[in-house]
C-alpha atoms as a PDB file:
ATOM      1  CA  MET A   1       6.487   6.363 -19.655  1.00  0.00           C
ATOM      2  CA  ARG A   2       5.246   6.030 -16.003  1.00  0.00           C
ATOM      3  CA  LEU A   3       7.779   2.972 -15.211  1.00  0.00           C
ATOM      4  CA  ASP A   4      10.932   4.389 -16.947  1.00  0.00           C
ATOM      5  CA  GLY A   5      14.210   2.547 -15.698  1.00  0.00           C
ATOM      6  CA  ARG A   6      12.149   0.109 -13.353  1.00  0.00           C
ATOM      7  CA  ILE A   7      12.697  -3.714 -13.365  1.00  0.00           C
ATOM      8  CA  ALA A   8       9.556  -5.859 -13.065  1.00  0.00           C
ATOM      9  CA  LEU A   9       9.302  -9.505 -12.577  1.00  0.00           C
ATOM     10  CA  ILE A  10       6.083 -10.891 -13.618  1.00  0.00           C
ATOM     11  CA  THR A  11       4.992 -14.562 -12.972  1.00  0.00           C
ATOM     12  CA  GLY A  12       2.868 -16.445 -15.198  1.00  0.00           C
ATOM     13  CA  ALA A  13       3.666 -14.016 -18.042  1.00  0.00           C
ATOM     14  CA  SER A  14       2.752 -16.219 -20.811  1.00  0.00           C
ATOM     15  CA  ARG A  15      -0.904 -15.749 -20.861  1.00  0.00           C
ATOM     16  CA  GLY A  16      -3.979 -13.994 -19.715  1.00  0.00           C
ATOM     17  CA  ILE A  17      -3.648 -11.343 -17.044  1.00  0.00           C
ATOM     18  CA  GLY A  18       0.109 -11.938 -16.596  1.00  0.00           C
ATOM     19  CA  ARG A  19       0.794 -11.370 -20.384  1.00  0.00           C
ATOM     20  CA  ALA A  20      -1.537  -8.149 -20.291  1.00  0.00           C
ATOM     21  CA  VAL A  21       0.429  -6.568 -17.308  1.00  0.00           C
ATOM     22  CA  ALA A  22       3.983  -7.653 -18.927  1.00  0.00           C
ATOM     23  CA  ILE A  23       2.994  -5.885 -22.225  1.00  0.00           C
ATOM     24  CA  ARG A  24       1.437  -3.050 -20.452  1.00  0.00           C
ATOM     25  CA  PHE A  25       4.618  -2.517 -18.170  1.00  0.00           C
ATOM     26  CA  ALA A  26       6.924  -2.666 -21.031  1.00  0.00           C
ATOM     27  CA  ARG A  27       4.873   0.020 -22.789  1.00  0.00           C
ATOM     28  CA  GLU A  28       5.305   2.126 -20.028  1.00  0.00           C
ATOM     29  CA  GLY A  29       8.845   1.881 -19.950  1.00  0.00           C
ATOM     30  CA  ALA A  30       9.836  -1.084 -17.261  1.00  0.00           C
ATOM     31  CA  HIS A  31      12.398  -3.695 -18.439  1.00  0.00           C
ATOM     32  CA  VAL A  32      10.045  -6.928 -17.644  1.00  0.00           C
ATOM     33  CA  VAL A  33      11.418 -10.202 -16.578  1.00  0.00           C
ATOM     34  CA  LEU A  34       8.887 -12.547 -18.073  1.00  0.00           C
ATOM     35  CA  LEU A  35       8.662 -16.019 -15.924  1.00  0.00           C
ATOM     36  CA  ALA A  36       6.592 -19.107 -17.257  1.00  0.00           C
ATOM     37  CA  ARG A  37       7.103 -22.711 -18.081  1.00  0.00           C
ATOM     38  CA  THR A  38       6.744 -22.382 -21.848  1.00  0.00           C
ATOM     39  CA  ARG A  39       9.587 -20.762 -23.834  1.00  0.00           C
ATOM     40  CA  GLY A  40       7.446 -20.529 -27.148  1.00  0.00           C
ATOM     41  CA  ALA A  41       4.850 -18.381 -25.503  1.00  0.00           C
ATOM     42  CA  LEU A  42       7.330 -16.293 -23.719  1.00  0.00           C
ATOM     43  CA  GLU A  43       9.095 -15.652 -27.201  1.00  0.00           C
ATOM     44  CA  GLU A  44       5.905 -14.264 -28.505  1.00  0.00           C
ATOM     45  CA  ILE A  45       5.363 -11.815 -25.845  1.00  0.00           C
ATOM     46  CA  ASP A  46       8.962 -10.769 -26.390  1.00  0.00           C
ATOM     47  CA  ASP A  47       8.207 -10.185 -30.145  1.00  0.00           C
ATOM     48  CA  GLU A  48       5.077  -7.891 -28.902  1.00  0.00           C
ATOM     49  CA  VAL A  49       7.328  -6.047 -26.423  1.00  0.00           C
ATOM     50  CA  ARG A  50       9.832  -5.243 -28.691  1.00  0.00           C
ATOM     51  CA  ALA A  51       7.447  -4.111 -31.412  1.00  0.00           C
ATOM     52  CA  HIS A  52       6.370  -1.437 -29.131  1.00  0.00           C
ATOM     53  CA  GLY A  53       9.975  -0.417 -28.150  1.00  0.00           C
ATOM     54  CA  GLY A  54      10.243  -2.159 -24.918  1.00  0.00           C
ATOM     55  CA  SER A  55      12.668  -4.559 -23.705  1.00  0.00           C
ATOM     56  CA  ALA A  56      12.397  -7.912 -21.773  1.00  0.00           C
ATOM     57  CA  THR A  57      14.246 -10.823 -20.260  1.00  0.00           C
ATOM     58  CA  LEU A  58      13.064 -14.401 -20.580  1.00  0.00           C
ATOM     59  CA  VAL A  59      12.931 -16.932 -17.731  1.00  0.00           C
ATOM     60  CA  PRO A  60      11.304 -20.326 -18.717  1.00  0.00           C
ATOM     61  CA  LEU A  61      10.921 -21.840 -15.425  1.00  0.00           C
ATOM     62  CA  ASP A  62       8.781 -24.158 -13.607  1.00  0.00           C
ATOM     63  CA  LEU A  63       7.808 -22.653 -10.382  1.00  0.00           C
ATOM     64  CA  GLU A  64       7.384 -25.840  -8.973  1.00  0.00           C
ATOM     65  CA  ASP A  65      11.346 -26.407  -9.293  1.00  0.00           C
ATOM     66  CA  ALA A  66      12.124 -25.134  -5.846  1.00  0.00           C
ATOM     67  CA  GLU A  67      15.870 -24.862  -6.035  1.00  0.00           C
ATOM     68  CA  LYS A  68      15.382 -22.514  -9.267  1.00  0.00           C
ATOM     69  CA  VAL A  69      12.967 -20.487  -7.661  1.00  0.00           C
ATOM     70  CA  ASP A  70      15.365 -19.875  -4.707  1.00  0.00           C
ATOM     71  CA  ALA A  71      17.985 -19.076  -7.300  1.00  0.00           C
ATOM     72  CA  LEU A  72      16.082 -16.123  -8.902  1.00  0.00           C
ATOM     73  CA  GLY A  73      17.183 -13.783  -5.967  1.00  0.00           C
ATOM     74  CA  PRO A  74      20.988 -14.117  -6.715  1.00  0.00           C
ATOM     75  CA  THR A  75      20.514 -14.201 -10.514  1.00  0.00           C
ATOM     76  CA  LEU A  76      18.433 -11.044 -10.304  1.00  0.00           C
ATOM     77  CA  TYR A  77      20.962  -9.512  -8.071  1.00  0.00           C
ATOM     78  CA  ASP A  78      23.963 -10.265 -10.378  1.00  0.00           C
ATOM     79  CA  ARG A  79      22.103  -8.622 -13.256  1.00  0.00           C
ATOM     80  CA  TRP A  80      20.564  -5.412 -11.960  1.00  0.00           C
ATOM     81  CA  GLY A  81      21.316  -5.349  -8.363  1.00  0.00           C
ATOM     82  CA  ARG A  82      17.712  -4.796  -7.188  1.00  0.00           C
ATOM     83  CA  LEU A  83      14.170  -5.441  -8.024  1.00  0.00           C
ATOM     84  CA  ASP A  84      11.524  -2.574  -8.514  1.00  0.00           C
ATOM     85  CA  ILE A  85       8.219  -4.625  -9.049  1.00  0.00           C
ATOM     86  CA  LEU A  86       7.031  -8.144  -8.532  1.00  0.00           C
ATOM     87  CA  VAL A  87       3.720  -9.374  -9.865  1.00  0.00           C
ATOM     88  CA  ALA A  88       2.997 -12.644  -8.433  1.00  0.00           C
ATOM     89  CA  ASN A  89       0.330 -13.773 -10.880  1.00  0.00           C
ATOM     90  CA  ALA A  90       0.793 -17.336 -11.493  1.00  0.00           C
ATOM     91  CA  GLY A  91      -1.598 -19.911 -10.095  1.00  0.00           C
ATOM     92  CA  ILE A  92      -3.933 -22.707 -10.790  1.00  0.00           C
ATOM     93  CA  LEU A  93      -7.272 -23.948 -10.428  1.00  0.00           C
ATOM     94  CA  GLY A  94      -7.056 -27.287  -9.255  1.00  0.00           C
ATOM     95  CA  PRO A  95     -10.094 -29.922  -9.116  1.00  0.00           C
ATOM     96  CA  LEU A  96     -13.644 -28.559  -8.540  1.00  0.00           C
ATOM     97  CA  THR A  97     -14.693 -31.251  -6.193  1.00  0.00           C
ATOM     98  CA  PRO A  98     -15.698 -32.101  -2.785  1.00  0.00           C
ATOM     99  CA  LEU A  99     -12.925 -31.820  -0.196  1.00  0.00           C
ATOM    100  CA  GLY A 100     -13.053 -35.632   0.668  1.00  0.00           C
ATOM    101  CA  HIS A 101     -12.863 -36.290  -3.222  1.00  0.00           C
ATOM    102  CA  ILE A 102      -9.531 -34.104  -3.826  1.00  0.00           C
ATOM    103  CA  PRO A 103      -6.576 -36.424  -4.884  1.00  0.00           C
ATOM    104  CA  ASP A 104      -3.707 -36.068  -2.370  1.00  0.00           C
ATOM    105  CA  ARG A 105      -1.378 -34.830  -5.456  1.00  0.00           C
ATOM    106  CA  ASP A 106      -3.772 -32.230  -6.626  1.00  0.00           C
ATOM    107  CA  TRP A 107      -4.092 -30.817  -2.997  1.00  0.00           C
ATOM    108  CA  GLN A 108      -0.580 -30.491  -3.025  1.00  0.00           C
ATOM    109  CA  ALA A 109      -0.127 -28.959  -6.319  1.00  0.00           C
ATOM    110  CA  VAL A 110      -2.588 -26.338  -5.711  1.00  0.00           C
ATOM    111  CA  LEU A 111      -1.305 -25.292  -2.382  1.00  0.00           C
ATOM    112  CA  ASN A 112       2.143 -25.263  -3.616  1.00  0.00           C
ATOM    113  CA  LEU A 113       1.896 -23.351  -6.499  1.00  0.00           C
ATOM    114  CA  ASN A 114      -0.914 -20.898  -5.273  1.00  0.00           C
ATOM    115  CA  LEU A 115       0.777 -20.388  -1.612  1.00  0.00           C
ATOM    116  CA  THR A 116       4.084 -22.025  -0.968  1.00  0.00           C
ATOM    117  CA  VAL A 117       5.874 -20.656  -4.478  1.00  0.00           C
ATOM    118  CA  ASN A 118       4.828 -17.396  -3.183  1.00  0.00           C
ATOM    119  CA  TRP A 119       6.195 -17.663   0.158  1.00  0.00           C
ATOM    120  CA  ARG A 120       9.703 -18.723  -1.943  1.00  0.00           C
ATOM    121  CA  LEU A 121       9.369 -15.712  -4.112  1.00  0.00           C
ATOM    122  CA  ILE A 122       9.510 -13.634  -1.146  1.00  0.00           C
ATOM    123  CA  ARG A 123      12.095 -15.350   0.585  1.00  0.00           C
ATOM    124  CA  ALA A 124      14.220 -14.971  -2.701  1.00  0.00           C
ATOM    125  CA  LEU A 125      13.313 -11.363  -3.552  1.00  0.00           C
ATOM    126  CA  ASP A 126      12.702  -9.585  -0.653  1.00  0.00           C
ATOM    127  CA  PRO A 127      16.259  -8.220  -0.203  1.00  0.00           C
ATOM    128  CA  LEU A 128      16.154  -7.151  -3.721  1.00  0.00           C
ATOM    129  CA  LEU A 129      12.958  -5.173  -3.368  1.00  0.00           C
ATOM    130  CA  ARG A 130      14.259  -3.451  -0.449  1.00  0.00           C
ATOM    131  CA  ARG A 131      17.267  -2.480  -2.685  1.00  0.00           C
ATOM    132  CA  SER A 132      14.834  -0.612  -4.750  1.00  0.00           C
ATOM    133  CA  ASP A 133      14.033   3.129  -3.895  1.00  0.00           C
ATOM    134  CA  ALA A 134      10.119   1.922  -4.347  1.00  0.00           C
ATOM    135  CA  GLY A 135       9.930  -1.558  -4.133  1.00  0.00           C
ATOM    136  CA  ARG A 136       6.342  -2.912  -5.233  1.00  0.00           C
ATOM    137  CA  ALA A 137       4.807  -6.165  -4.970  1.00  0.00           C
ATOM    138  CA  ILE A 138       1.222  -7.275  -5.925  1.00  0.00           C
ATOM    139  CA  PHE A 139      -0.253 -10.666  -5.517  1.00  0.00           C
ATOM    140  CA  VAL A 140      -3.291 -11.891  -7.220  1.00  0.00           C
ATOM    141  CA  THR A 141      -5.782 -13.299  -5.049  1.00  0.00           C
ATOM    142  CA  SER A 142      -9.538 -14.328  -5.728  1.00  0.00           C
ATOM    143  CA  GLY A 143     -13.031 -13.668  -4.514  1.00  0.00           C
ATOM    144  CA  ALA A 144     -12.972 -17.204  -3.684  1.00  0.00           C
ATOM    145  CA  ALA A 145     -10.894 -16.752  -0.747  1.00  0.00           C
ATOM    146  CA  ARG A 146     -13.787 -15.375   1.105  1.00  0.00           C
ATOM    147  CA  THR A 147     -16.850 -16.706  -1.023  1.00  0.00           C
ATOM    148  CA  CYS A 148     -15.502 -20.317   0.128  1.00  0.00           C
ATOM    149  CA  LEU A 149     -18.020 -21.961  -2.505  1.00  0.00           C
ATOM    150  CA  ALA A 150     -18.665 -25.605  -2.232  1.00  0.00           C
ATOM    151  CA  TYR A 151     -16.272 -27.705  -4.392  1.00  0.00           C
ATOM    152  CA  TRP A 152     -13.701 -24.822  -4.547  1.00  0.00           C
ATOM    153  CA  GLY A 153     -11.901 -25.981  -1.693  1.00  0.00           C
ATOM    154  CA  ALA A 154      -8.255 -26.305  -2.580  1.00  0.00           C
ATOM    155  CA  TYR A 155      -8.383 -23.197  -4.597  1.00  0.00           C
ATOM    156  CA  SER A 156     -10.312 -20.962  -2.046  1.00  0.00           C
ATOM    157  CA  ILE A 157      -8.016 -22.197   0.751  1.00  0.00           C
ATOM    158  CA  SER A 158      -4.745 -21.629  -1.140  1.00  0.00           C
ATOM    159  CA  LYS A 159      -5.984 -18.134  -2.116  1.00  0.00           C
ATOM    160  CA  ALA A 160      -7.144 -17.280   1.632  1.00  0.00           C
ATOM    161  CA  GLY A 161      -3.759 -18.632   2.668  1.00  0.00           C
ATOM    162  CA  LEU A 162      -2.096 -16.397   0.185  1.00  0.00           C
ATOM    163  CA  GLU A 163      -3.888 -13.318   1.446  1.00  0.00           C
ATOM    164  CA  ALA A 164      -2.802 -13.951   4.713  1.00  0.00           C
ATOM    165  CA  LEU A 165       0.890 -14.331   3.431  1.00  0.00           C
ATOM    166  CA  ALA A 166       0.796 -11.277   1.655  1.00  0.00           C
ATOM    167  CA  LYS A 167      -0.798  -9.430   4.524  1.00  0.00           C
ATOM    168  CA  THR A 168       1.916 -10.570   6.919  1.00  0.00           C
ATOM    169  CA  TYR A 169       4.466  -9.557   4.333  1.00  0.00           C
ATOM    170  CA  ALA A 170       3.228  -6.279   4.073  1.00  0.00           C
ATOM    171  CA  SER A 171       3.355  -5.956   8.015  1.00  0.00           C
ATOM    172  CA  GLU A 172       7.083  -7.004   8.028  1.00  0.00           C
ATOM    173  CA  VAL A 173       8.076  -4.392   5.282  1.00  0.00           C
ATOM    174  CA  ASP A 174       5.774  -1.394   6.619  1.00  0.00           C
ATOM    175  CA  SER A 175       8.726   0.751   7.759  1.00  0.00           C
ATOM    176  CA  THR A 176      10.706   0.281   4.751  1.00  0.00           C
ATOM    177  CA  ALA A 177      10.162   1.902   1.027  1.00  0.00           C
ATOM    178  CA  VAL A 178       8.505  -1.692  -0.034  1.00  0.00           C
ATOM    179  CA  ARG A 179       4.646  -1.738  -0.435  1.00  0.00           C
ATOM    180  CA  VAL A 180       2.806  -4.803  -0.809  1.00  0.00           C
ATOM    181  CA  ASN A 181      -0.934  -5.229  -1.889  1.00  0.00           C
ATOM    182  CA  LEU A 182      -3.249  -7.852  -3.440  1.00  0.00           C
ATOM    183  CA  ILE A 183      -5.639  -7.413  -6.382  1.00  0.00           C
ATOM    184  CA  ASN A 184      -8.880  -9.613  -6.838  1.00  0.00           C
ATOM    185  CA  PRO A 185      -9.512  -9.350 -10.702  1.00  0.00           C
ATOM    186  CA  GLY A 186     -13.134 -10.795 -10.382  1.00  0.00           C
ATOM    187  CA  PRO A 187     -14.528 -12.509 -13.607  1.00  0.00           C
ATOM    188  CA  VAL A 188     -12.239 -12.045 -16.228  1.00  0.00           C
ATOM    189  CA  ALA A 189     -11.706 -13.612 -19.670  1.00  0.00           C
ATOM    190  CA  THR A 190      -8.945 -15.967 -18.959  1.00  0.00           C
ATOM    191  CA  ALA A 191      -8.332 -19.822 -19.342  1.00  0.00           C
ATOM    192  CA  MET A 192      -8.556 -20.529 -15.903  1.00  0.00           C
ATOM    193  CA  ARG A 193     -12.260 -18.846 -15.864  1.00  0.00           C
ATOM    194  CA  ALA A 194     -13.290 -20.949 -19.043  1.00  0.00           C
ATOM    195  CA  ARG A 195     -12.247 -24.007 -17.353  1.00  0.00           C
ATOM    196  CA  ALA A 196     -14.328 -22.987 -14.057  1.00  0.00           C
ATOM    197  CA  PHE A 197     -17.277 -21.828 -16.179  1.00  0.00           C
ATOM    198  CA  PRO A 198     -17.182 -23.748 -19.372  1.00  0.00           C
ATOM    199  CA  GLY A 199     -20.553 -22.488 -20.676  1.00  0.00           C
ATOM    200  CA  GLU A 200     -19.774 -18.822 -20.095  1.00  0.00           C
ATOM    201  CA  ASP A 201     -19.580 -16.409 -23.092  1.00  0.00           C
ATOM    202  CA  PRO A 202     -16.131 -14.703 -22.559  1.00  0.00           C
ATOM    203  CA  ALA A 203     -17.046 -11.867 -24.645  1.00  0.00           C
ATOM    204  CA  THR A 204     -19.682 -10.873 -21.833  1.00  0.00           C
ATOM    205  CA  LEU A 205     -16.539 -10.574 -19.424  1.00  0.00           C
ATOM    206  CA  PRO A 206     -13.789  -7.786 -19.036  1.00  0.00           C
ATOM    207  CA  GLN A 207     -10.757  -8.796 -20.774  1.00  0.00           C
ATOM    208  CA  PRO A 208      -7.261  -8.964 -19.060  1.00  0.00           C
ATOM    209  CA  GLY A 209      -5.921  -5.923 -20.446  1.00  0.00           C
ATOM    210  CA  GLN A 210      -8.589  -3.881 -18.763  1.00  0.00           C
ATOM    211  CA  LEU A 211      -7.019  -4.559 -15.518  1.00  0.00           C
ATOM    212  CA  THR A 212      -3.614  -3.135 -16.241  1.00  0.00           C
ATOM    213  CA  GLU A 213      -4.556   0.387 -15.069  1.00  0.00           C
ATOM    214  CA  LEU A 214      -5.092  -0.924 -11.542  1.00  0.00           C
ATOM    215  CA  PHE A 215      -1.886  -2.824 -11.672  1.00  0.00           C
ATOM    216  CA  LEU A 216       0.097   0.366 -12.607  1.00  0.00           C
ATOM    217  CA  ASN A 217      -1.425   2.318  -9.897  1.00  0.00           C
ATOM    218  CA  LEU A 218      -0.497  -0.103  -7.523  1.00  0.00           C
ATOM    219  CA  VAL A 219       3.253  -0.105  -8.479  1.00  0.00           C
ATOM    220  CA  ALA A 220       3.431   3.881  -8.455  1.00  0.00           C
ATOM    221  CA  ARG A 221       6.512   5.477  -6.847  1.00  0.00           C
ATOM    222  CA  ASP A 222       4.095   7.521  -4.687  1.00  0.00           C
ATOM    223  CA  LEU A 223       1.815   4.752  -3.403  1.00  0.00           C
ATOM    224  CA  THR A 224       1.483   4.961   0.162  1.00  0.00           C
ATOM    225  CA  VAL A 225      -1.124   2.162   0.775  1.00  0.00           C
ATOM    226  CA  ASN A 226       0.009  -1.309   2.007  1.00  0.00           C
ATOM    227  CA  GLY A 227      -1.593  -4.712   2.909  1.00  0.00           C
ATOM    228  CA  ARG A 228      -4.657  -4.158   1.066  1.00  0.00           C
ATOM    229  CA  ILE A 229      -6.838  -6.184  -1.337  1.00  0.00           C
ATOM    230  CA  PHE A 230      -8.272  -4.203  -4.128  1.00  0.00           C
ATOM    231  CA  ASP A 231     -11.198  -5.597  -6.202  1.00  0.00           C
ATOM    232  CA  TYR A 232     -11.084  -4.786  -9.663  1.00  0.00           C
ATOM    233  CA  LYS A 233     -14.327  -3.104 -10.712  1.00  0.00           C
ATOM    234  CA  PRO A 234     -15.031  -2.496 -14.544  1.00  0.00           C
END
């Protein structure tokens, strides 16, 4: 029970990597706060968590609702008085098209969810992470932030911004007990990957559950590294 007694908030918890991390953290003893848009999907994860003896709090919330994101901090404070772990996993791919062809609404949507929402989460949850004896934040990035492939502009740019955001936050908490790092999952069998590469056989890719050990390592109480990007390697 490596996370016994810890409070962990996971965004994008209804499927893929977020779901796998949520279930693994709960099995390791954490009380998981599961955030996603769809209540039905959250209830399915809750059933699985409880089947393994874990506990969860469900937060059906659209991260594009800025006021509700801002209210997360006070809500969690009233319930637990702190937050030990943040896994900022939610994100969208957006259109794969030349930069000049991206509709304004799609550009704004990708930048908002992949970057601005994570800034809002930091603003809302930083005081609670500082109240933990070992606050840990993990942001999920992508190799696209550095490869900058043609037609991946909105996604690549949003993830590059996320990396700068997380590293800046890491610098700001360096003298505290909070540690902030990023994980680049690489190719993983998720719905987002299937949309980007529709002809790819998902059976040839690592499954989301295979990444959970890396996530566990980066929320350990004795973690010292801060502000680094960890590339998952099967």
